[in-house]
PDB file of N, CA and C in Angstrom:
ATOM      1  N   MET A   1       7.989  -8.229 -12.466  1.00  0.00           N
ATOM      2  CA  MET A   1       9.082  -8.213 -11.540  1.00  0.00           C
ATOM      3  C   MET A   1       9.452  -6.761 -11.244  1.00  0.00           C
ATOM      4  N   PHE A   2       9.815  -6.507 -10.021  1.00  0.00           N
ATOM      5  CA  PHE A   2      10.159  -5.151  -9.604  1.00  0.00           C
ATOM      6  C   PHE A   2      11.597  -5.087  -9.126  1.00  0.00           C
ATOM      7  N   VAL A   3      12.244  -3.957  -9.396  1.00  0.00           N
ATOM      8  CA  VAL A   3      13.599  -3.705  -8.924  1.00  0.00           C
ATOM      9  C   VAL A   3      13.639  -2.310  -8.310  1.00  0.00           C
ATOM     10  N   ILE A   4      14.611  -2.094  -7.443  1.00  0.00           N
ATOM     11  CA  ILE A   4      14.770  -0.791  -6.803  1.00  0.00           C
ATOM     12  C   ILE A   4      15.912  -0.047  -7.485  1.00  0.00           C
ATOM     13  N   ASN A   5      15.613   1.133  -7.986  1.00  0.00           N
ATOM     14  CA  ASN A   5      16.626   1.994  -8.583  1.00  0.00           C
ATOM     15  C   ASN A   5      17.378   2.644  -7.421  1.00  0.00           C
ATOM     16  N   GLN A   6      18.595   2.196  -7.181  1.00  0.00           N
ATOM     17  CA  GLN A   6      19.359   2.659  -6.022  1.00  0.00           C
ATOM     18  C   GLN A   6      19.710   4.141  -6.092  1.00  0.00           C
ATOM     19  N   GLU A   7      19.742   4.700  -7.297  1.00  0.00           N
ATOM     20  CA  GLU A   7      20.036   6.126  -7.437  1.00  0.00           C
ATOM     21  C   GLU A   7      18.879   6.990  -6.952  1.00  0.00           C
ATOM     22  N   LEU A   8      17.661   6.470  -7.014  1.00  0.00           N
ATOM     23  CA  LEU A   8      16.486   7.222  -6.567  1.00  0.00           C
ATOM     24  C   LEU A   8      16.084   6.896  -5.133  1.00  0.00           C
ATOM     25  N   CYS A   9      16.482   5.741  -4.652  1.00  0.00           N
ATOM     26  CA  CYS A   9      16.068   5.258  -3.327  1.00  0.00           C
ATOM     27  C   CYS A   9      16.701   6.081  -2.207  1.00  0.00           C
ATOM     28  N   SER A  10      15.889   6.501  -1.243  1.00  0.00           N
ATOM     29  CA  SER A  10      16.385   7.254  -0.088  1.00  0.00           C
ATOM     30  C   SER A  10      16.626   6.354   1.114  1.00  0.00           C
ATOM     31  N   GLN A  11      16.345   5.060   0.954  1.00  0.00           N
ATOM     32  CA  GLN A  11      16.513   4.058   2.009  1.00  0.00           C
ATOM     33  C   GLN A  11      15.591   4.329   3.205  1.00  0.00           C
ATOM     34  N   CYS A  12      14.383   4.784   2.916  1.00  0.00           N
ATOM     35  CA  CYS A  12      13.419   5.089   3.977  1.00  0.00           C
ATOM     36  C   CYS A  12      12.776   3.826   4.555  1.00  0.00           C
ATOM     37  N   GLY A  13      12.722   2.738   3.773  1.00  0.00           N
ATOM     38  CA  GLY A  13      12.179   1.476   4.251  1.00  0.00           C
ATOM     39  C   GLY A  13      10.681   1.316   4.145  1.00  0.00           C
ATOM     40  N   GLU A  14       9.992   2.293   3.556  1.00  0.00           N
ATOM     41  CA  GLU A  14       8.537   2.185   3.435  1.00  0.00           C
ATOM     42  C   GLU A  14       8.127   0.980   2.593  1.00  0.00           C
ATOM     43  N   CYS A  15       8.912   0.664   1.575  1.00  0.00           N
ATOM     44  CA  CYS A  15       8.619  -0.484   0.719  1.00  0.00           C
ATOM     45  C   CYS A  15       8.711  -1.785   1.517  1.00  0.00           C
ATOM     46  N   GLN A  16       9.726  -1.891   2.341  1.00  0.00           N
ATOM     47  CA  GLN A  16       9.909  -3.088   3.159  1.00  0.00           C
ATOM     48  C   GLN A  16       8.760  -3.237   4.157  1.00  0.00           C
ATOM     49  N   ASP A  17       8.340  -2.132   4.727  1.00  0.00           N
ATOM     50  CA  ASP A  17       7.260  -2.166   5.713  1.00  0.00           C
ATOM     51  C   ASP A  17       5.933  -2.642   5.127  1.00  0.00           C
ATOM     52  N   ILE A  18       5.664  -2.291   3.870  1.00  0.00           N
ATOM     53  CA  ILE A  18       4.357  -2.616   3.278  1.00  0.00           C
ATOM     54  C   ILE A  18       4.346  -3.947   2.524  1.00  0.00           C
ATOM     55  N   CYS A  19       5.493  -4.494   2.223  1.00  0.00           N
ATOM     56  CA  CYS A  19       5.551  -5.724   1.416  1.00  0.00           C
ATOM     57  C   CYS A  19       4.888  -6.892   2.152  1.00  0.00           C
ATOM     58  N   PRO A  20       3.789  -7.447   1.591  1.00  0.00           N
ATOM     59  CA  PRO A  20       3.080  -8.537   2.266  1.00  0.00           C
ATOM     60  C   PRO A  20       3.811  -9.877   2.193  1.00  0.00           C
ATOM     61  N   CYS A  21       4.811  -9.963   1.318  1.00  0.00           N
ATOM     62  CA  CYS A  21       5.525 -11.232   1.119  1.00  0.00           C
ATOM     63  C   CYS A  21       6.859 -11.284   1.849  1.00  0.00           C
ATOM     64  N   GLY A  22       7.289 -10.158   2.391  1.00  0.00           N
ATOM     65  CA  GLY A  22       8.605 -10.114   3.017  1.00  0.00           C
ATOM     66  C   GLY A  22       9.725 -10.241   1.996  1.00  0.00           C
ATOM     67  N   ALA A  23       9.466  -9.783   0.781  1.00  0.00           N
ATOM     68  CA  ALA A  23      10.422  -9.945  -0.313  1.00  0.00           C
ATOM     69  C   ALA A  23      11.486  -8.855  -0.375  1.00  0.00           C
ATOM     70  N   ILE A  24      11.364  -7.831   0.456  1.00  0.00           N
ATOM     71  CA  ILE A  24      12.319  -6.725   0.406  1.00  0.00           C
ATOM     72  C   ILE A  24      13.178  -6.760   1.663  1.00  0.00           C
ATOM     73  N   GLU A  25      14.487  -6.849   1.436  1.00  0.00           N
ATOM     74  CA  GLU A  25      15.418  -6.929   2.555  1.00  0.00           C
ATOM     75  C   GLU A  25      16.442  -5.814   2.478  1.00  0.00           C
ATOM     76  N   GLN A  26      16.814  -5.315   3.651  1.00  0.00           N
ATOM     77  CA  GLN A  26      17.857  -4.304   3.724  1.00  0.00           C
ATOM     78  C   GLN A  26      19.209  -5.008   3.707  1.00  0.00           C
ATOM     79  N   GLN A  27      20.100  -4.531   2.866  1.00  0.00           N
ATOM     80  CA  GLN A  27      21.423  -5.116   2.707  1.00  0.00           C
ATOM     81  C   GLN A  27      22.412  -4.512   3.716  1.00  0.00           C
ATOM     82  N   SER A  28      23.596  -5.062   3.790  1.00  0.00           N
ATOM     83  CA  SER A  28      24.596  -4.597   4.749  1.00  0.00           C
ATOM     84  C   SER A  28      25.035  -3.148   4.494  1.00  0.00           C
ATOM     85  N   ASP A  29      24.881  -2.676   3.259  1.00  0.00           N
ATOM     86  CA  ASP A  29      25.228  -1.284   2.941  1.00  0.00           C
ATOM     87  C   ASP A  29      24.031  -0.349   3.094  1.00  0.00           C
ATOM     88  N   ASP A  30      22.964  -0.837   3.728  1.00  0.00           N
ATOM     89  CA  ASP A  30      21.715  -0.108   3.978  1.00  0.00           C
ATOM     90  C   ASP A  30      20.813   0.050   2.757  1.00  0.00           C
ATOM     91  N   SER A  31      21.231  -0.437   1.599  1.00  0.00           N
ATOM     92  CA  SER A  31      20.352  -0.410   0.432  1.00  0.00           C
ATOM     93  C   SER A  31      19.302  -1.512   0.587  1.00  0.00           C
ATOM     94  N   PHE A  32      18.251  -1.449  -0.225  1.00  0.00           N
ATOM     95  CA  PHE A  32      17.190  -2.451  -0.194  1.00  0.00           C
ATOM     96  C   PHE A  32      17.196  -3.235  -1.490  1.00  0.00           C
ATOM     97  N   LYS A  33      16.827  -4.502  -1.406  1.00  0.00           N
ATOM     98  CA  LYS A  33      16.785  -5.373  -2.578  1.00  0.00           C
ATOM     99  C   LYS A  33      15.504  -6.196  -2.533  1.00  0.00           C
ATOM    100  N   ILE A  34      14.890  -6.379  -3.702  1.00  0.00           N
ATOM    101  CA  ILE A  34      13.682  -7.185  -3.816  1.00  0.00           C
ATOM    102  C   ILE A  34      14.073  -8.588  -4.263  1.00  0.00           C
ATOM    103  N   ASP A  35      13.677  -9.579  -3.494  1.00  0.00           N
ATOM    104  CA  ASP A  35      13.915 -10.977  -3.852  1.00  0.00           C
ATOM    105  C   ASP A  35      12.840 -11.382  -4.864  1.00  0.00           C
ATOM    106  N   ALA A  36      13.246 -11.560  -6.109  1.00  0.00           N
ATOM    107  CA  ALA A  36      12.298 -11.839  -7.195  1.00  0.00           C
ATOM    108  C   ALA A  36      11.523 -13.128  -6.970  1.00  0.00           C
ATOM    109  N   GLN A  37      12.114 -14.093  -6.306  1.00  0.00           N
ATOM    110  CA  GLN A  37      11.429 -15.363  -6.089  1.00  0.00           C
ATOM    111  C   GLN A  37      10.357 -15.258  -5.012  1.00  0.00           C
ATOM    112  N   MET A  38      10.525 -14.346  -4.074  1.00  0.00           N
ATOM    113  CA  MET A  38       9.527 -14.166  -3.015  1.00  0.00           C
ATOM    114  C   MET A  38       8.443 -13.166  -3.405  1.00  0.00           C
ATOM    115  N   CYS A  39       8.756 -12.285  -4.334  1.00  0.00           N
ATOM    116  CA  CYS A  39       7.847 -11.205  -4.734  1.00  0.00           C
ATOM    117  C   CYS A  39       6.620 -11.756  -5.462  1.00  0.00           C
ATOM    118  N   SER A  40       5.435 -11.270  -5.075  1.00  0.00           N
ATOM    119  CA  SER A  40       4.189 -11.702  -5.723  1.00  0.00           C
ATOM    120  C   SER A  40       3.744 -10.735  -6.826  1.00  0.00           C
ATOM    121  N   ASP A  41       4.532  -9.712  -7.096  1.00  0.00           N
ATOM    122  CA  ASP A  41       4.215  -8.691  -8.109  1.00  0.00           C
ATOM    123  C   ASP A  41       2.937  -7.921  -7.803  1.00  0.00           C
ATOM    124  N   CYS A  42       2.662  -7.707  -6.532  1.00  0.00           N
ATOM    125  CA  CYS A  42       1.431  -6.997  -6.152  1.00  0.00           C
ATOM    126  C   CYS A  42       1.544  -5.480  -6.332  1.00  0.00           C
ATOM    127  N   ALA A  43       2.766  -4.959  -6.430  1.00  0.00           N
ATOM    128  CA  ALA A  43       3.044  -3.536  -6.642  1.00  0.00           C
ATOM    129  C   ALA A  43       2.759  -2.649  -5.440  1.00  0.00           C
ATOM    130  N   ALA A  44       2.566  -3.228  -4.275  1.00  0.00           N
ATOM    131  CA  ALA A  44       2.348  -2.410  -3.071  1.00  0.00           C
ATOM    132  C   ALA A  44       3.559  -1.528  -2.810  1.00  0.00           C
ATOM    133  N   CYS A  45       4.741  -2.079  -2.985  1.00  0.00           N
ATOM    134  CA  CYS A  45       5.970  -1.326  -2.751  1.00  0.00           C
ATOM    135  C   CYS A  45       6.077  -0.135  -3.699  1.00  0.00           C
ATOM    136  N   GLN A  46       5.745  -0.373  -4.945  1.00  0.00           N
ATOM    137  CA  GLN A  46       5.821   0.684  -5.949  1.00  0.00           C
ATOM    138  C   GLN A  46       4.841   1.811  -5.631  1.00  0.00           C
ATOM    139  N   SER A  47       3.665   1.458  -5.158  1.00  0.00           N
ATOM    140  CA  SER A  47       2.658   2.477  -4.884  1.00  0.00           C
ATOM    141  C   SER A  47       2.981   3.320  -3.653  1.00  0.00           C
ATOM    142  N   VAL A  48       3.759   2.768  -2.711  1.00  0.00           N
ATOM    143  CA  VAL A  48       4.057   3.498  -1.480  1.00  0.00           C
ATOM    144  C   VAL A  48       5.371   4.288  -1.552  1.00  0.00           C
ATOM    145  N   CYS A  49       6.209   4.017  -2.519  1.00  0.00           N
ATOM    146  CA  CYS A  49       7.523   4.665  -2.585  1.00  0.00           C
ATOM    147  C   CYS A  49       7.389   6.152  -2.912  1.00  0.00           C
ATOM    148  N   PRO A  50       7.839   7.017  -1.991  1.00  0.00           N
ATOM    149  CA  PRO A  50       7.699   8.464  -2.212  1.00  0.00           C
ATOM    150  C   PRO A  50       8.687   9.016  -3.249  1.00  0.00           C
ATOM    151  N   PHE A  51       9.667   8.209  -3.639  1.00  0.00           N
ATOM    152  CA  PHE A  51      10.683   8.678  -4.578  1.00  0.00           C
ATOM    153  C   PHE A  51      10.602   8.001  -5.942  1.00  0.00           C
ATOM    154  N   GLU A  52       9.553   7.178  -6.141  1.00  0.00           N
ATOM    155  CA  GLU A  52       9.350   6.453  -7.397  1.00  0.00           C
ATOM    156  C   GLU A  52      10.599   5.669  -7.797  1.00  0.00           C
ATOM    157  N   ALA A  53      11.233   5.052  -6.785  1.00  0.00           N
ATOM    158  CA  ALA A  53      12.474   4.314  -7.007  1.00  0.00           C
ATOM    159  C   ALA A  53      12.235   2.858  -7.391  1.00  0.00           C
ATOM    160  N   ILE A  54      10.996   2.390  -7.302  1.00  0.00           N
ATOM    161  CA  ILE A  54      10.714   0.984  -7.612  1.00  0.00           C
ATOM    162  C   ILE A  54      10.121   0.891  -9.005  1.00  0.00           C
ATOM    163  N   GLU A  55      10.817   0.129  -9.838  1.00  0.00           N
ATOM    164  CA  GLU A  55      10.464   0.049 -11.247  1.00  0.00           C
ATOM    165  C   GLU A  55      10.070  -1.371 -11.616  1.00  0.00           C
ATOM    166  N   GLU A  56       9.065  -1.477 -12.473  1.00  0.00           N
ATOM    167  CA  GLU A  56       8.668  -2.783 -12.984  1.00  0.00           C
ATOM    168  C   GLU A  56       9.504  -3.077 -14.225  1.00  0.00           C
ATOM    169  N   VAL A  57      10.061  -4.276 -14.272  1.00  0.00           N
ATOM    170  CA  VAL A  57      10.880  -4.684 -15.411  1.00  0.00           C
ATOM    171  C   VAL A  57      10.380  -6.016 -15.941  1.00  0.00           C
ATOM    172  N   GLU A  58      10.726  -6.321 -17.161  1.00  0.00           N
ATOM    173  CA  GLU A  58      10.361  -7.609 -17.754  1.00  0.00           C
ATOM    174  C   GLU A  58      11.033  -8.722 -16.972  1.00  0.00           C
ATOM    175  N   SER A  59      10.295  -9.757 -16.716  1.00  0.00           N
ATOM    176  CA  SER A  59      10.819 -10.906 -15.987  1.00  0.00           C
ATOM    177  C   SER A  59      11.466 -11.889 -16.944  1.00  0.00           C
ATOM    178  N   ASP A  60      12.664 -12.320 -16.613  1.00  0.00           N
ATOM    179  CA  ASP A  60      13.340 -13.376 -17.366  1.00  0.00           C
ATOM    180  C   ASP A  60      13.279 -14.617 -16.493  1.00  0.00           C
ATOM    181  N   ASP A  61      12.290 -15.483 -16.745  1.00  0.00           N
ATOM    182  CA  ASP A  61      12.047 -16.653 -15.892  1.00  0.00           C
ATOM    183  C   ASP A  61      13.267 -17.543 -15.723  1.00  0.00           C
ATOM    184  N   SER A  62      14.048 -17.715 -16.765  1.00  0.00           N
ATOM    185  CA  SER A  62      15.214 -18.581 -16.648  1.00  0.00           C
ATOM    186  C   SER A  62      16.252 -17.979 -15.721  1.00  0.00           C
ATOM    187  N   GLU A  63      16.392 -16.653 -15.749  1.00  0.00           N
ATOM    188  CA  GLU A  63      17.347 -15.985 -14.872  1.00  0.00           C
ATOM    189  C   GLU A  63      16.893 -16.047 -13.425  1.00  0.00           C
ATOM    190  N   GLU A  64      15.590 -15.840 -13.184  1.00  0.00           N
ATOM    191  CA  GLU A  64      15.047 -15.872 -11.831  1.00  0.00           C
ATOM    192  C   GLU A  64      15.265 -17.225 -11.181  1.00  0.00           C
ATOM    193  N   LYS A  65      15.052 -18.290 -11.937  1.00  0.00           N
ATOM    194  CA  LYS A  65      15.149 -19.631 -11.367  1.00  0.00           C
ATOM    195  C   LYS A  65      16.589 -20.018 -11.059  1.00  0.00           C
ATOM    196  N   SER A  66      17.549 -19.408 -11.737  1.00  0.00           N
ATOM    197  CA  SER A  66      18.936 -19.761 -11.509  1.00  0.00           C
ATOM    198  C   SER A  66      19.542 -19.034 -10.319  1.00  0.00           C
ATOM    199  N   GLU A  67      18.907 -17.984  -9.837  1.00  0.00           N
ATOM    200  CA  GLU A  67      19.462 -17.190  -8.740  1.00  0.00           C
ATOM    201  C   GLU A  67      19.383 -17.880  -7.430  1.00  0.00           C
TER     202      GLU A  67
END
């Protein structure tokens, strides 16, 4: 599972552009969020981020399903 570190993110949108699943959406405050249920864990977003703001974290399956 991947998350965006908002402190490192410049809001450039490159991650959203490359995501093959459409799992990254821009929020009303212009930040980006990865939808864990839509994400295929392909890491394309992580590889394209120029600020290394996308981090892989341990997945908690029970938490993901409840969201």
